[in-house]
């Protein structure tokens, strides 16, 4: 019957514990898709090197492209960005095109410097991979946990230096 058709429900962001690389990759994909659908104003990705994140996938870049807009902020925090440059080739031109909304910082792993968490932070949701080696962690909407994660990310951010420039000027 016409008029009785319902729209498919939006896939919900995951909540609770996760375990394993496939689960974590699914969480990253879901976060990027939700950012595009819901128009999150800020998206923070934090990891020592992003080696096992699905950031170079066509679907990830399409989601980032759909999310990108004026007034948005995309933050990348890492210890090193060389793996992104080599292993996530599609992200590099996207980063170049959207330089005006992208901020990147690198934190050198030195004694006394805070560890860079493996996490996704948004104004309403988070994912924190507490055990990156086994891709184990927790994700959800809890405001207190989200605030504490943001404080940890901010502490690393303050210890970092600008990195992963959109272009390299030189002679």
C-alpha atoms as a PDB file:
ATOM      1  CA  UNK A   1       0.000   0.000   0.000  1.00  0.00           C
ATOM      2  CA  UNK A   2       1.168   3.471  -0.772  1.00  0.00           C
ATOM      3  CA  UNK A   3       1.952   5.670   2.195  1.00  0.00           C
ATOM      4  CA  UNK A   4       2.585   2.741   4.538  1.00  0.00           C
ATOM      5  CA  UNK A   5       6.206   2.325   3.478  1.00  0.00           C
ATOM      6  CA  UNK A   6       8.642   3.076   6.247  1.00  0.00           C
ATOM      7  CA  UNK A   7      12.146   4.354   5.853  1.00  0.00           C
ATOM      8  CA  UNK A   8      14.851   1.916   6.881  1.00  0.00           C
ATOM      9  CA  UNK A   9      16.207   2.711  10.311  1.00  0.00           C
ATOM     10  CA  UNK A  10      19.623   4.323  10.538  1.00  0.00           C
ATOM     11  CA  UNK A  11      22.225   1.880  11.742  1.00  0.00           C
ATOM     12  CA  UNK A  12      22.839   2.705  15.381  1.00  0.00           C
ATOM     13  CA  UNK A  13      26.293   3.542  16.591  1.00  0.00           C
ATOM     14  CA  UNK A  14      27.707   0.665  18.601  1.00  0.00           C
ATOM     15  CA  UNK A  15      27.736   0.794  22.362  1.00  0.00           C
ATOM     16  CA  UNK A  16      29.591  -1.389  24.841  1.00  0.00           C
ATOM     17  CA  UNK A  17      32.704  -3.509  24.687  1.00  0.00           C
ATOM     18  CA  UNK A  18      34.326  -4.626  21.448  1.00  0.00           C
ATOM     19  CA  UNK A  19      37.026  -7.194  20.791  1.00  0.00           C
ATOM     20  CA  UNK A  20      39.084  -7.808  17.664  1.00  0.00           C
ATOM     21  CA  UNK A  21      40.299  -5.996  14.594  1.00  0.00           C
ATOM     22  CA  UNK A  22      37.177  -6.636  12.515  1.00  0.00           C
ATOM     23  CA  UNK A  23      34.965  -5.237  15.266  1.00  0.00           C
ATOM     24  CA  UNK A  24      37.164  -2.153  15.584  1.00  0.00           C
ATOM     25  CA  UNK A  25      37.242  -1.572  11.821  1.00  0.00           C
ATOM     26  CA  UNK A  26      33.438  -1.802  11.798  1.00  0.00           C
ATOM     27  CA  UNK A  27      33.272   0.793  14.558  1.00  0.00           C
ATOM     28  CA  UNK A  28      35.511   3.180  12.584  1.00  0.00           C
ATOM     29  CA  UNK A  29      33.364   2.735   9.476  1.00  0.00           C
ATOM     30  CA  UNK A  30      30.150   3.247  11.462  1.00  0.00           C
ATOM     31  CA  UNK A  31      31.547   6.407  13.057  1.00  0.00           C
ATOM     32  CA  UNK A  32      32.536   7.927   9.697  1.00  0.00           C
ATOM     33  CA  UNK A  33      29.160   7.058   8.171  1.00  0.00           C
ATOM     34  CA  UNK A  34      27.321   8.512  11.162  1.00  0.00           C
ATOM     35  CA  UNK A  35      29.421  11.683  11.024  1.00  0.00           C
ATOM     36  CA  UNK A  36      28.310  12.161   7.414  1.00  0.00           C
ATOM     37  CA  UNK A  37      24.641  11.324   8.074  1.00  0.00           C
ATOM     38  CA  UNK A  38      24.308  13.330  11.263  1.00  0.00           C
ATOM     39  CA  UNK A  39      26.601  16.232  10.353  1.00  0.00           C
ATOM     40  CA  UNK A  40      28.762  16.107  13.470  1.00  0.00           C
ATOM     41  CA  UNK A  41      30.581  19.411  13.882  1.00  0.00           C
ATOM     42  CA  UNK A  42      33.782  17.809  15.177  1.00  0.00           C
ATOM     43  CA  UNK A  43      35.479  14.477  14.618  1.00  0.00           C
ATOM     44  CA  UNK A  44      38.663  13.537  16.505  1.00  0.00           C
ATOM     45  CA  UNK A  45      40.732  10.486  15.563  1.00  0.00           C
ATOM     46  CA  UNK A  46      43.656   9.594  17.778  1.00  0.00           C
ATOM     47  CA  UNK A  47      46.118   6.698  17.482  1.00  0.00           C
ATOM     48  CA  UNK A  48      49.882   6.204  17.697  1.00  0.00           C
ATOM     49  CA  UNK A  49      50.101   5.507  13.931  1.00  0.00           C
ATOM     50  CA  UNK A  50      46.663   4.547  12.436  1.00  0.00           C
ATOM     51  CA  UNK A  51      48.281   1.459  10.881  1.00  0.00           C
ATOM     52  CA  UNK A  52      45.223  -0.779  11.264  1.00  0.00           C
ATOM     53  CA  UNK A  53      42.472   1.788  10.772  1.00  0.00           C
ATOM     54  CA  UNK A  54      40.399   1.533   7.543  1.00  0.00           C
ATOM     55  CA  UNK A  55      41.089   5.171   6.625  1.00  0.00           C
ATOM     56  CA  UNK A  56      42.337   4.449   3.110  1.00  0.00           C
ATOM     57  CA  UNK A  57      39.201   2.614   2.024  1.00  0.00           C
ATOM     58  CA  UNK A  58      37.044   4.175  -0.659  1.00  0.00           C
ATOM     59  CA  UNK A  59      33.972   4.039   1.636  1.00  0.00           C
ATOM     60  CA  UNK A  60      35.846   5.867   4.423  1.00  0.00           C
ATOM     61  CA  UNK A  61      36.884   8.677   2.094  1.00  0.00           C
ATOM     62  CA  UNK A  62      33.360   8.895   0.647  1.00  0.00           C
ATOM     63  CA  UNK A  63      31.980   9.231   4.185  1.00  0.00           C
ATOM     64  CA  UNK A  64      34.556  11.919   5.038  1.00  0.00           C
ATOM     65  CA  UNK A  65      33.758  13.729   1.798  1.00  0.00           C
ATOM     66  CA  UNK A  66      30.037  13.656   2.600  1.00  0.00           C
ATOM     67  CA  UNK A  67      30.767  14.913   6.124  1.00  0.00           C
ATOM     68  CA  UNK A  68      33.096  17.745   5.059  1.00  0.00           C
ATOM     69  CA  UNK A  69      31.536  21.178   5.233  1.00  0.00           C
ATOM     70  CA  UNK A  70      32.256  24.667   6.375  1.00  0.00           C
ATOM     71  CA  UNK A  71      32.301  24.976  10.126  1.00  0.00           C
ATOM     72  CA  UNK A  72      33.453  21.402  10.683  1.00  0.00           C
ATOM     73  CA  UNK A  73      36.662  20.340  12.422  1.00  0.00           C
ATOM     74  CA  UNK A  74      38.613  17.141  11.774  1.00  0.00           C
ATOM     75  CA  UNK A  75      41.431  16.384  14.206  1.00  0.00           C
ATOM     76  CA  UNK A  76      44.127  13.743  13.768  1.00  0.00           C
ATOM     77  CA  UNK A  77      46.484  13.051  16.659  1.00  0.00           C
ATOM     78  CA  UNK A  78      49.319  10.526  16.341  1.00  0.00           C
ATOM     79  CA  UNK A  79      52.886   9.786  17.269  1.00  0.00           C
ATOM     80  CA  UNK A  80      53.732   9.475  13.574  1.00  0.00           C
ATOM     81  CA  UNK A  81      51.992  10.094  10.262  1.00  0.00           C
ATOM     82  CA  UNK A  82      54.289   8.263   7.847  1.00  0.00           C
ATOM     83  CA  UNK A  83      52.029   5.188   7.894  1.00  0.00           C
ATOM     84  CA  UNK A  84      49.045   7.314   6.865  1.00  0.00           C
ATOM     85  CA  UNK A  85      51.070   8.781   4.007  1.00  0.00           C
ATOM     86  CA  UNK A  86      52.117   5.306   2.802  1.00  0.00           C
ATOM     87  CA  UNK A  87      49.226   3.078   3.823  1.00  0.00           C
ATOM     88  CA  UNK A  88      46.147   5.258   3.439  1.00  0.00           C
ATOM     89  CA  UNK A  89      46.809   6.818   0.045  1.00  0.00           C
ATOM     90  CA  UNK A  90      43.218   8.001  -0.510  1.00  0.00           C
ATOM     91  CA  UNK A  91      43.273   9.994   2.723  1.00  0.00           C
ATOM     92  CA  UNK A  92      46.237  12.132   1.649  1.00  0.00           C
ATOM     93  CA  UNK A  93      44.491  13.974  -1.239  1.00  0.00           C
ATOM     94  CA  UNK A  94      41.319  14.311   0.838  1.00  0.00           C
ATOM     95  CA  UNK A  95      43.373  15.884   3.629  1.00  0.00           C
ATOM     96  CA  UNK A  96      44.964  18.263   1.101  1.00  0.00           C
ATOM     97  CA  UNK A  97      41.564  19.325  -0.290  1.00  0.00           C
ATOM     98  CA  UNK A  98      40.039  19.909   3.139  1.00  0.00           C
ATOM     99  CA  UNK A  99      43.098  21.474   4.798  1.00  0.00           C
ATOM    100  CA  UNK A 100      40.987  24.331   6.161  1.00  0.00           C
ATOM    101  CA  UNK A 101      39.048  21.962   8.473  1.00  0.00           C
ATOM    102  CA  UNK A 102      41.870  19.501   9.280  1.00  0.00           C
ATOM    103  CA  UNK A 103      44.283  19.836  12.200  1.00  0.00           C
ATOM    104  CA  UNK A 104      47.072  17.316  12.745  1.00  0.00           C
ATOM    105  CA  UNK A 105      49.542  17.001  15.581  1.00  0.00           C
ATOM    106  CA  UNK A 106      52.263  14.509  16.380  1.00  0.00           C
ATOM    107  CA  UNK A 107      53.370  13.619  19.890  1.00  0.00           C
ATOM    108  CA  UNK A 108      56.863  12.251  20.268  1.00  0.00           C
ATOM    109  CA  UNK A 109      56.898   9.201  22.527  1.00  0.00           C
ATOM    110  CA  UNK A 110      59.332  10.478  25.123  1.00  0.00           C
ATOM    111  CA  UNK A 111      59.618   9.947  28.830  1.00  0.00           C
ATOM    112  CA  UNK A 112      57.075  12.109  30.568  1.00  0.00           C
ATOM    113  CA  UNK A 113      54.945  12.751  27.497  1.00  0.00           C
ATOM    114  CA  UNK A 114      51.382  11.440  27.573  1.00  0.00           C
ATOM    115  CA  UNK A 115      50.566   8.330  25.561  1.00  0.00           C
ATOM    116  CA  UNK A 116      48.455   8.945  22.474  1.00  0.00           C
ATOM    117  CA  UNK A 117      45.179   7.054  23.001  1.00  0.00           C
ATOM    118  CA  UNK A 118      43.649   4.959  20.234  1.00  0.00           C
ATOM    119  CA  UNK A 119      40.242   6.589  20.068  1.00  0.00           C
ATOM    120  CA  UNK A 120      37.443   8.306  18.212  1.00  0.00           C
ATOM    121  CA  UNK A 121      35.820  11.256  19.942  1.00  0.00           C
ATOM    122  CA  UNK A 122      32.728  13.166  18.853  1.00  0.00           C
ATOM    123  CA  UNK A 123      30.482  15.623  20.681  1.00  0.00           C
ATOM    124  CA  UNK A 124      27.999  12.815  21.426  1.00  0.00           C
ATOM    125  CA  UNK A 125      29.777   9.455  21.109  1.00  0.00           C
ATOM    126  CA  UNK A 126      33.198   7.863  21.584  1.00  0.00           C
ATOM    127  CA  UNK A 127      35.215   4.708  20.948  1.00  0.00           C
ATOM    128  CA  UNK A 128      38.321   3.969  22.992  1.00  0.00           C
ATOM    129  CA  UNK A 129      40.584   1.088  22.067  1.00  0.00           C
ATOM    130  CA  UNK A 130      42.295   0.547  25.411  1.00  0.00           C
ATOM    131  CA  UNK A 131      44.232  -2.479  24.073  1.00  0.00           C
ATOM    132  CA  UNK A 132      45.275  -1.579  20.499  1.00  0.00           C
ATOM    133  CA  UNK A 133      47.342  -4.756  20.082  1.00  0.00           C
ATOM    134  CA  UNK A 134      44.224  -6.929  20.444  1.00  0.00           C
ATOM    135  CA  UNK A 135      41.783  -4.209  19.281  1.00  0.00           C
ATOM    136  CA  UNK A 136      39.830  -4.325  22.519  1.00  0.00           C
ATOM    137  CA  UNK A 137      37.949  -1.445  23.990  1.00  0.00           C
ATOM    138  CA  UNK A 138      34.663   0.224  24.663  1.00  0.00           C
ATOM    139  CA  UNK A 139      32.406   2.647  22.835  1.00  0.00           C
ATOM    140  CA  UNK A 140      29.265   4.505  23.731  1.00  0.00           C
ATOM    141  CA  UNK A 141      27.492   7.679  24.715  1.00  0.00           C
ATOM    142  CA  UNK A 142      28.346   8.035  28.419  1.00  0.00           C
ATOM    143  CA  UNK A 143      29.084  11.750  28.969  1.00  0.00           C
ATOM    144  CA  UNK A 144      31.546  11.212  31.830  1.00  0.00           C
ATOM    145  CA  UNK A 145      33.620   8.634  29.940  1.00  0.00           C
ATOM    146  CA  UNK A 146      33.504  10.779  26.809  1.00  0.00           C
ATOM    147  CA  UNK A 147      34.686  13.833  28.784  1.00  0.00           C
ATOM    148  CA  UNK A 148      37.526  11.859  30.409  1.00  0.00           C
ATOM    149  CA  UNK A 149      38.630  10.557  27.008  1.00  0.00           C
ATOM    150  CA  UNK A 150      38.608  14.090  25.607  1.00  0.00           C
ATOM    151  CA  UNK A 151      40.744  15.278  28.515  1.00  0.00           C
ATOM    152  CA  UNK A 152      43.280  12.518  27.736  1.00  0.00           C
ATOM    153  CA  UNK A 153      43.291  13.457  24.049  1.00  0.00           C
ATOM    154  CA  UNK A 154      43.686  17.154  24.903  1.00  0.00           C
ATOM    155  CA  UNK A 155      46.633  16.382  27.169  1.00  0.00           C
ATOM    156  CA  UNK A 156      48.389  14.607  24.301  1.00  0.00           C
ATOM    157  CA  UNK A 157      47.360  17.397  21.895  1.00  0.00           C
ATOM    158  CA  UNK A 158      49.064  20.013  24.083  1.00  0.00           C
ATOM    159  CA  UNK A 159      52.275  17.934  24.100  1.00  0.00           C
ATOM    160  CA  UNK A 160      52.208  17.592  20.303  1.00  0.00           C
ATOM    161  CA  UNK A 161      53.487  19.681  17.434  1.00  0.00           C
ATOM    162  CA  UNK A 162      51.865  20.447  14.067  1.00  0.00           C
ATOM    163  CA  UNK A 163      52.392  17.538  11.657  1.00  0.00           C
ATOM    164  CA  UNK A 164      51.160  15.927   8.416  1.00  0.00           C
ATOM    165  CA  UNK A 165      50.996  19.164   6.416  1.00  0.00           C
ATOM    166  CA  UNK A 166      48.666  19.407   3.434  1.00  0.00           C
ATOM    167  CA  UNK A 167      51.602  20.358   1.242  1.00  0.00           C
ATOM    168  CA  UNK A 168      55.339  20.551   1.530  1.00  0.00           C
ATOM    169  CA  UNK A 169      56.890  23.792   0.396  1.00  0.00           C
ATOM    170  CA  UNK A 170      60.454  23.771  -0.702  1.00  0.00           C
ATOM    171  CA  UNK A 171      62.859  24.649  -3.438  1.00  0.00           C
END
